[in-house]
């Protein structure tokens, strides 16, 4: 049996804010086809790790490889073009743009003719978005905006999708829906690194998990 390709490999990652070391030598990997959970309490260093992986936060030390190549120093826009796409904590939707316009922004790096077909695919995964296609993103509930942020990321056709605390601040019913959708996206063939405080739910979906505590795995 062939071992799946390692899409993301993080080795000895250290990240500091001023004199405070937020990540203290973390190492982990995500292989193609997996759903890997990175769990831990608030302040453990999970979000900082994702920011370093996606070029949003400078590394103090360590190595990050995506698809076998070092990516240190590359910007988030470069990495998105290569298929490394993140849904940030807090969702980050374009609030004064419609749902459809937000989805089109997810496809800004693409030049192919299948963008409309992919919007239809997102709408089939998130029927609630289809019902509100012309609605401004800023007028939607938190759960609906989370769905939109995930749908927008899928429009970039990610090789690896990073989800940062997708259930944060949502009602219990919407939390159930979001985890259901994460499972659906994974079963559609998308490789996922899921960062979550809700350990039991995250691990119930995952192939493997890593626990972060005080900046260490």
C-alpha atoms as a PDB file:
ATOM      1  CA  UNK A   1       0.000   0.000   0.000  1.00  0.00           C
ATOM      2  CA  UNK A   2       1.395   3.397  -1.005  1.00  0.00           C
ATOM      3  CA  UNK A   3       1.940   5.909   1.800  1.00  0.00           C
ATOM      4  CA  UNK A   4       0.010   9.148   1.118  1.00  0.00           C
ATOM      5  CA  UNK A   5       2.072  12.206   0.215  1.00  0.00           C
ATOM      6  CA  UNK A   6       2.942  14.519   3.106  1.00  0.00           C
ATOM      7  CA  UNK A   7       1.342  17.841   2.167  1.00  0.00           C
ATOM      8  CA  UNK A   8       2.429  19.842   5.217  1.00  0.00           C
ATOM      9  CA  UNK A   9       5.439  19.188   7.425  1.00  0.00           C
ATOM     10  CA  UNK A  10       6.247  21.515  10.323  1.00  0.00           C
ATOM     11  CA  UNK A  11       9.530  20.925  12.142  1.00  0.00           C
ATOM     12  CA  UNK A  12      10.783  22.727  15.257  1.00  0.00           C
ATOM     13  CA  UNK A  13       8.565  25.767  14.701  1.00  0.00           C
ATOM     14  CA  UNK A  14       9.205  28.701  17.022  1.00  0.00           C
ATOM     15  CA  UNK A  15       7.222  31.958  16.910  1.00  0.00           C
ATOM     16  CA  UNK A  16       7.677  34.954  19.219  1.00  0.00           C
ATOM     17  CA  UNK A  17       5.717  38.132  19.874  1.00  0.00           C
ATOM     18  CA  UNK A  18       8.264  40.572  21.237  1.00  0.00           C
ATOM     19  CA  UNK A  19       9.929  38.759  24.122  1.00  0.00           C
ATOM     20  CA  UNK A  20       7.133  36.205  24.517  1.00  0.00           C
ATOM     21  CA  UNK A  21       7.597  32.839  22.821  1.00  0.00           C
ATOM     22  CA  UNK A  22       4.142  31.735  21.676  1.00  0.00           C
ATOM     23  CA  UNK A  23       5.265  28.557  19.875  1.00  0.00           C
ATOM     24  CA  UNK A  24       8.236  26.653  21.287  1.00  0.00           C
ATOM     25  CA  UNK A  25       9.450  24.110  18.767  1.00  0.00           C
ATOM     26  CA  UNK A  26       6.240  22.523  17.466  1.00  0.00           C
ATOM     27  CA  UNK A  27       6.441  19.653  14.958  1.00  0.00           C
ATOM     28  CA  UNK A  28       3.600  17.889  13.117  1.00  0.00           C
ATOM     29  CA  UNK A  29       2.530  16.801   9.634  1.00  0.00           C
ATOM     30  CA  UNK A  30      -0.576  16.387   7.506  1.00  0.00           C
ATOM     31  CA  UNK A  31      -0.735  13.752   4.776  1.00  0.00           C
ATOM     32  CA  UNK A  32      -2.885  13.887   1.661  1.00  0.00           C
ATOM     33  CA  UNK A  33      -6.486  12.845   2.270  1.00  0.00           C
ATOM     34  CA  UNK A  34      -6.332  13.202   6.053  1.00  0.00           C
ATOM     35  CA  UNK A  35      -8.342  15.273   8.472  1.00  0.00           C
ATOM     36  CA  UNK A  36      -5.902  16.168  11.247  1.00  0.00           C
ATOM     37  CA  UNK A  37      -7.020  17.995  14.395  1.00  0.00           C
ATOM     38  CA  UNK A  38      -4.773  20.388  16.318  1.00  0.00           C
ATOM     39  CA  UNK A  39      -6.418  20.866  19.690  1.00  0.00           C
ATOM     40  CA  UNK A  40      -5.626  22.707  22.909  1.00  0.00           C
ATOM     41  CA  UNK A  41      -6.857  25.354  25.299  1.00  0.00           C
ATOM     42  CA  UNK A  42      -7.166  29.031  24.442  1.00  0.00           C
ATOM     43  CA  UNK A  43      -3.681  30.553  24.316  1.00  0.00           C
ATOM     44  CA  UNK A  44      -1.914  27.240  23.580  1.00  0.00           C
ATOM     45  CA  UNK A  45      -0.414  28.601  20.341  1.00  0.00           C
ATOM     46  CA  UNK A  46      -2.731  26.980  17.787  1.00  0.00           C
ATOM     47  CA  UNK A  47      -3.738  30.111  15.875  1.00  0.00           C
ATOM     48  CA  UNK A  48      -0.182  31.456  15.951  1.00  0.00           C
ATOM     49  CA  UNK A  49       0.972  28.175  14.409  1.00  0.00           C
ATOM     50  CA  UNK A  50      -1.527  28.534  11.561  1.00  0.00           C
ATOM     51  CA  UNK A  51      -0.485  32.140  10.992  1.00  0.00           C
ATOM     52  CA  UNK A  52       3.137  31.046  10.698  1.00  0.00           C
ATOM     53  CA  UNK A  53       2.198  28.255   8.278  1.00  0.00           C
ATOM     54  CA  UNK A  54       0.277  30.681   6.042  1.00  0.00           C
ATOM     55  CA  UNK A  55       2.901  33.439   6.072  1.00  0.00           C
ATOM     56  CA  UNK A  56       0.891  35.829   8.235  1.00  0.00           C
ATOM     57  CA  UNK A  57       3.320  35.663  11.174  1.00  0.00           C
ATOM     58  CA  UNK A  58       7.143  35.484  10.889  1.00  0.00           C
ATOM     59  CA  UNK A  59       8.912  32.391  12.217  1.00  0.00           C
ATOM     60  CA  UNK A  60      11.704  32.725  14.758  1.00  0.00           C
ATOM     61  CA  UNK A  61      13.057  29.249  13.968  1.00  0.00           C
ATOM     62  CA  UNK A  62      12.125  25.930  12.391  1.00  0.00           C
ATOM     63  CA  UNK A  63      11.041  24.744   8.978  1.00  0.00           C
ATOM     64  CA  UNK A  64       7.709  24.526   7.171  1.00  0.00           C
ATOM     65  CA  UNK A  65       7.370  22.465   4.002  1.00  0.00           C
ATOM     66  CA  UNK A  66       4.321  22.346   1.740  1.00  0.00           C
ATOM     67  CA  UNK A  67       4.257  19.599  -0.882  1.00  0.00           C
ATOM     68  CA  UNK A  68       7.912  18.874  -0.169  1.00  0.00           C
ATOM     69  CA  UNK A  69       9.196  22.428  -0.614  1.00  0.00           C
ATOM     70  CA  UNK A  70      10.185  24.990   2.062  1.00  0.00           C
ATOM     71  CA  UNK A  71       7.748  27.913   2.178  1.00  0.00           C
ATOM     72  CA  UNK A  72       9.394  30.201   4.728  1.00  0.00           C
ATOM     73  CA  UNK A  73       9.112  33.855   3.718  1.00  0.00           C
ATOM     74  CA  UNK A  74       6.274  33.383   1.241  1.00  0.00           C
ATOM     75  CA  UNK A  75       3.141  35.499   1.581  1.00  0.00           C
ATOM     76  CA  UNK A  76      -0.367  34.181   2.119  1.00  0.00           C
ATOM     77  CA  UNK A  77      -1.250  35.158  -1.474  1.00  0.00           C
ATOM     78  CA  UNK A  78       1.632  33.031  -2.844  1.00  0.00           C
ATOM     79  CA  UNK A  79       0.600  30.068  -0.727  1.00  0.00           C
ATOM     80  CA  UNK A  80      -3.060  30.349  -1.757  1.00  0.00           C
ATOM     81  CA  UNK A  81      -1.968  30.051  -5.388  1.00  0.00           C
ATOM     82  CA  UNK A  82      -0.167  26.823  -4.454  1.00  0.00           C
ATOM     83  CA  UNK A  83      -3.262  25.403  -2.736  1.00  0.00           C
ATOM     84  CA  UNK A  84      -2.626  26.237   0.931  1.00  0.00           C
ATOM     85  CA  UNK A  85      -5.799  28.037   2.007  1.00  0.00           C
ATOM     86  CA  UNK A  86      -6.996  29.122   5.462  1.00  0.00           C
ATOM     87  CA  UNK A  87     -10.379  30.027   6.915  1.00  0.00           C
ATOM     88  CA  UNK A  88      -9.305  32.397   9.708  1.00  0.00           C
ATOM     89  CA  UNK A  89     -10.631  32.617  13.226  1.00  0.00           C
ATOM     90  CA  UNK A  90     -13.432  35.187  13.176  1.00  0.00           C
ATOM     91  CA  UNK A  91     -14.436  34.193   9.610  1.00  0.00           C
ATOM     92  CA  UNK A  92     -13.203  37.342   7.821  1.00  0.00           C
ATOM     93  CA  UNK A  93     -16.024  37.671   5.301  1.00  0.00           C
ATOM     94  CA  UNK A  94     -16.353  40.763   3.096  1.00  0.00           C
ATOM     95  CA  UNK A  95     -19.340  42.178   4.957  1.00  0.00           C
ATOM     96  CA  UNK A  96     -20.417  44.762   2.343  1.00  0.00           C
ATOM     97  CA  UNK A  97     -20.365  42.245  -0.481  1.00  0.00           C
ATOM     98  CA  UNK A  98     -23.023  39.667  -1.309  1.00  0.00           C
ATOM     99  CA  UNK A  99     -22.623  35.952  -0.721  1.00  0.00           C
ATOM    100  CA  UNK A 100     -22.019  35.349  -4.427  1.00  0.00           C
ATOM    101  CA  UNK A 101     -19.435  38.152  -4.565  1.00  0.00           C
ATOM    102  CA  UNK A 102     -17.636  36.657  -1.549  1.00  0.00           C
ATOM    103  CA  UNK A 103     -17.484  33.294  -3.304  1.00  0.00           C
ATOM    104  CA  UNK A 104     -16.101  34.926  -6.446  1.00  0.00           C
ATOM    105  CA  UNK A 105     -13.376  36.538  -4.328  1.00  0.00           C
ATOM    106  CA  UNK A 106     -12.365  33.031  -3.268  1.00  0.00           C
ATOM    107  CA  UNK A 107     -11.723  32.252  -6.934  1.00  0.00           C
ATOM    108  CA  UNK A 108      -9.707  35.418  -7.702  1.00  0.00           C
ATOM    109  CA  UNK A 109      -6.539  33.383  -8.377  1.00  0.00           C
ATOM    110  CA  UNK A 110      -8.273  31.196 -10.960  1.00  0.00           C
ATOM    111  CA  UNK A 111      -8.522  31.706 -14.729  1.00  0.00           C
ATOM    112  CA  UNK A 112     -10.439  28.543 -15.667  1.00  0.00           C
ATOM    113  CA  UNK A 113     -14.020  28.280 -16.915  1.00  0.00           C
ATOM    114  CA  UNK A 114     -15.373  26.149 -14.058  1.00  0.00           C
ATOM    115  CA  UNK A 115     -15.898  28.900 -11.492  1.00  0.00           C
ATOM    116  CA  UNK A 116     -19.685  29.022 -11.939  1.00  0.00           C
ATOM    117  CA  UNK A 117     -19.856  25.242 -11.619  1.00  0.00           C
ATOM    118  CA  UNK A 118     -17.879  25.438  -8.372  1.00  0.00           C
ATOM    119  CA  UNK A 119     -20.254  28.102  -7.012  1.00  0.00           C
ATOM    120  CA  UNK A 120     -23.104  25.669  -7.689  1.00  0.00           C
ATOM    121  CA  UNK A 121     -21.121  22.972  -5.860  1.00  0.00           C
ATOM    122  CA  UNK A 122     -20.674  25.274  -2.843  1.00  0.00           C
ATOM    123  CA  UNK A 123     -24.389  26.040  -2.894  1.00  0.00           C
ATOM    124  CA  UNK A 124     -25.180  22.306  -2.866  1.00  0.00           C
ATOM    125  CA  UNK A 125     -22.888  21.857   0.163  1.00  0.00           C
ATOM    126  CA  UNK A 126     -24.344  24.941   1.879  1.00  0.00           C
ATOM    127  CA  UNK A 127     -28.024  25.209   0.804  1.00  0.00           C
ATOM    128  CA  UNK A 128     -28.542  28.113   3.206  1.00  0.00           C
ATOM    129  CA  UNK A 129     -26.089  30.213   1.177  1.00  0.00           C
ATOM    130  CA  UNK A 130     -27.989  29.515  -2.028  1.00  0.00           C
ATOM    131  CA  UNK A 131     -31.192  30.789  -0.439  1.00  0.00           C
ATOM    132  CA  UNK A 132     -29.399  34.064   0.377  1.00  0.00           C
ATOM    133  CA  UNK A 133     -27.136  34.406  -2.677  1.00  0.00           C
ATOM    134  CA  UNK A 134     -27.710  38.162  -3.073  1.00  0.00           C
ATOM    135  CA  UNK A 135     -27.724  39.001   0.648  1.00  0.00           C
ATOM    136  CA  UNK A 136     -24.886  41.089   2.097  1.00  0.00           C
ATOM    137  CA  UNK A 137     -22.517  38.932   4.150  1.00  0.00           C
ATOM    138  CA  UNK A 138     -22.559  41.383   7.057  1.00  0.00           C
ATOM    139  CA  UNK A 139     -26.276  40.857   7.609  1.00  0.00           C
ATOM    140  CA  UNK A 140     -25.920  37.100   8.141  1.00  0.00           C
ATOM    141  CA  UNK A 141     -25.647  35.200  11.430  1.00  0.00           C
ATOM    142  CA  UNK A 142     -22.271  34.040  12.713  1.00  0.00           C
ATOM    143  CA  UNK A 143     -22.927  30.477  11.640  1.00  0.00           C
ATOM    144  CA  UNK A 144     -23.968  31.528   8.156  1.00  0.00           C
ATOM    145  CA  UNK A 145     -20.836  33.677   7.841  1.00  0.00           C
ATOM    146  CA  UNK A 146     -18.744  30.655   8.898  1.00  0.00           C
ATOM    147  CA  UNK A 147     -20.356  28.630   6.119  1.00  0.00           C
ATOM    148  CA  UNK A 148     -19.614  31.445   3.680  1.00  0.00           C
ATOM    149  CA  UNK A 149     -15.967  31.678   4.763  1.00  0.00           C
ATOM    150  CA  UNK A 150     -15.587  27.924   4.247  1.00  0.00           C
ATOM    151  CA  UNK A 151     -17.340  28.081   0.887  1.00  0.00           C
ATOM    152  CA  UNK A 152     -15.117  30.972  -0.209  1.00  0.00           C
ATOM    153  CA  UNK A 153     -12.008  28.953   0.707  1.00  0.00           C
ATOM    154  CA  UNK A 154     -13.273  25.974  -1.291  1.00  0.00           C
ATOM    155  CA  UNK A 155     -13.569  28.225  -4.348  1.00  0.00           C
ATOM    156  CA  UNK A 156      -9.756  28.401  -4.381  1.00  0.00           C
ATOM    157  CA  UNK A 157      -9.685  24.595  -4.844  1.00  0.00           C
ATOM    158  CA  UNK A 158      -7.349  24.018  -1.890  1.00  0.00           C
ATOM    159  CA  UNK A 159      -4.923  21.118  -1.730  1.00  0.00           C
ATOM    160  CA  UNK A 160      -4.906  21.689   2.046  1.00  0.00           C
ATOM    161  CA  UNK A 161      -7.674  23.562   3.885  1.00  0.00           C
ATOM    162  CA  UNK A 162      -6.793  25.077   7.273  1.00  0.00           C
ATOM    163  CA  UNK A 163      -9.793  25.736   9.536  1.00  0.00           C
ATOM    164  CA  UNK A 164      -9.141  27.939  12.572  1.00  0.00           C
ATOM    165  CA  UNK A 165     -11.765  27.503  15.329  1.00  0.00           C
ATOM    166  CA  UNK A 166     -14.780  27.155  12.999  1.00  0.00           C
ATOM    167  CA  UNK A 167     -17.201  26.495  15.897  1.00  0.00           C
ATOM    168  CA  UNK A 168     -16.156  29.467  18.042  1.00  0.00           C
ATOM    169  CA  UNK A 169     -19.027  31.654  19.233  1.00  0.00           C
ATOM    170  CA  UNK A 170     -21.767  29.635  17.550  1.00  0.00           C
ATOM    171  CA  UNK A 171     -24.983  28.203  18.987  1.00  0.00           C
ATOM    172  CA  UNK A 172     -25.016  24.465  19.783  1.00  0.00           C
ATOM    173  CA  UNK A 173     -27.279  23.773  16.785  1.00  0.00           C
ATOM    174  CA  UNK A 174     -24.950  25.677  14.447  1.00  0.00           C
ATOM    175  CA  UNK A 175     -21.887  23.952  15.947  1.00  0.00           C
ATOM    176  CA  UNK A 176     -23.472  20.608  14.996  1.00  0.00           C
ATOM    177  CA  UNK A 177     -24.059  21.895  11.463  1.00  0.00           C
ATOM    178  CA  UNK A 178     -20.504  23.214  11.049  1.00  0.00           C
ATOM    179  CA  UNK A 179     -18.911  19.931  12.147  1.00  0.00           C
ATOM    180  CA  UNK A 180     -21.291  18.065   9.845  1.00  0.00           C
ATOM    181  CA  UNK A 181     -20.122  20.253   6.947  1.00  0.00           C
ATOM    182  CA  UNK A 182     -16.436  19.782   7.850  1.00  0.00           C
ATOM    183  CA  UNK A 183     -17.010  16.020   7.691  1.00  0.00           C
ATOM    184  CA  UNK A 184     -18.777  16.368   4.327  1.00  0.00           C
ATOM    185  CA  UNK A 185     -15.957  18.474   2.846  1.00  0.00           C
ATOM    186  CA  UNK A 186     -13.385  15.917   3.998  1.00  0.00           C
ATOM    187  CA  UNK A 187     -15.387  13.058   2.478  1.00  0.00           C
ATOM    188  CA  UNK A 188     -15.443  15.013  -0.804  1.00  0.00           C
ATOM    189  CA  UNK A 189     -11.666  14.558  -0.881  1.00  0.00           C
ATOM    190  CA  UNK A 190     -10.356  17.770   0.706  1.00  0.00           C
ATOM    191  CA  UNK A 191      -7.377  17.402   3.074  1.00  0.00           C
ATOM    192  CA  UNK A 192      -8.031  19.402   6.273  1.00  0.00           C
ATOM    193  CA  UNK A 193      -6.063  20.684   9.254  1.00  0.00           C
ATOM    194  CA  UNK A 194      -8.692  21.556  11.864  1.00  0.00           C
ATOM    195  CA  UNK A 195      -7.730  23.794  14.798  1.00  0.00           C
ATOM    196  CA  UNK A 196     -10.304  23.569  17.597  1.00  0.00           C
ATOM    197  CA  UNK A 197     -10.872  24.061  21.315  1.00  0.00           C
ATOM    198  CA  UNK A 198     -13.783  21.606  21.132  1.00  0.00           C
ATOM    199  CA  UNK A 199     -11.503  18.584  21.463  1.00  0.00           C
ATOM    200  CA  UNK A 200     -14.077  15.788  21.555  1.00  0.00           C
ATOM    201  CA  UNK A 201     -15.883  16.986  18.425  1.00  0.00           C
ATOM    202  CA  UNK A 202     -12.656  17.671  16.525  1.00  0.00           C
ATOM    203  CA  UNK A 203     -11.172  14.270  17.372  1.00  0.00           C
ATOM    204  CA  UNK A 204     -14.405  12.465  16.489  1.00  0.00           C
ATOM    205  CA  UNK A 205     -13.879  13.540  12.857  1.00  0.00           C
ATOM    206  CA  UNK A 206     -10.090  13.262  12.697  1.00  0.00           C
ATOM    207  CA  UNK A 207      -7.790  10.570  11.354  1.00  0.00           C
ATOM    208  CA  UNK A 208      -5.163  11.804  13.810  1.00  0.00           C
ATOM    209  CA  UNK A 209      -4.767  14.573  16.363  1.00  0.00           C
ATOM    210  CA  UNK A 210      -2.091  16.687  17.995  1.00  0.00           C
ATOM    211  CA  UNK A 211      -2.446  18.446  21.356  1.00  0.00           C
ATOM    212  CA  UNK A 212      -0.816  21.841  21.898  1.00  0.00           C
ATOM    213  CA  UNK A 213      -0.064  23.114  25.384  1.00  0.00           C
ATOM    214  CA  UNK A 214       1.927  26.258  26.208  1.00  0.00           C
ATOM    215  CA  UNK A 215       3.299  26.494  22.682  1.00  0.00           C
ATOM    216  CA  UNK A 216       4.419  22.859  22.423  1.00  0.00           C
ATOM    217  CA  UNK A 217       2.919  19.753  20.812  1.00  0.00           C
END
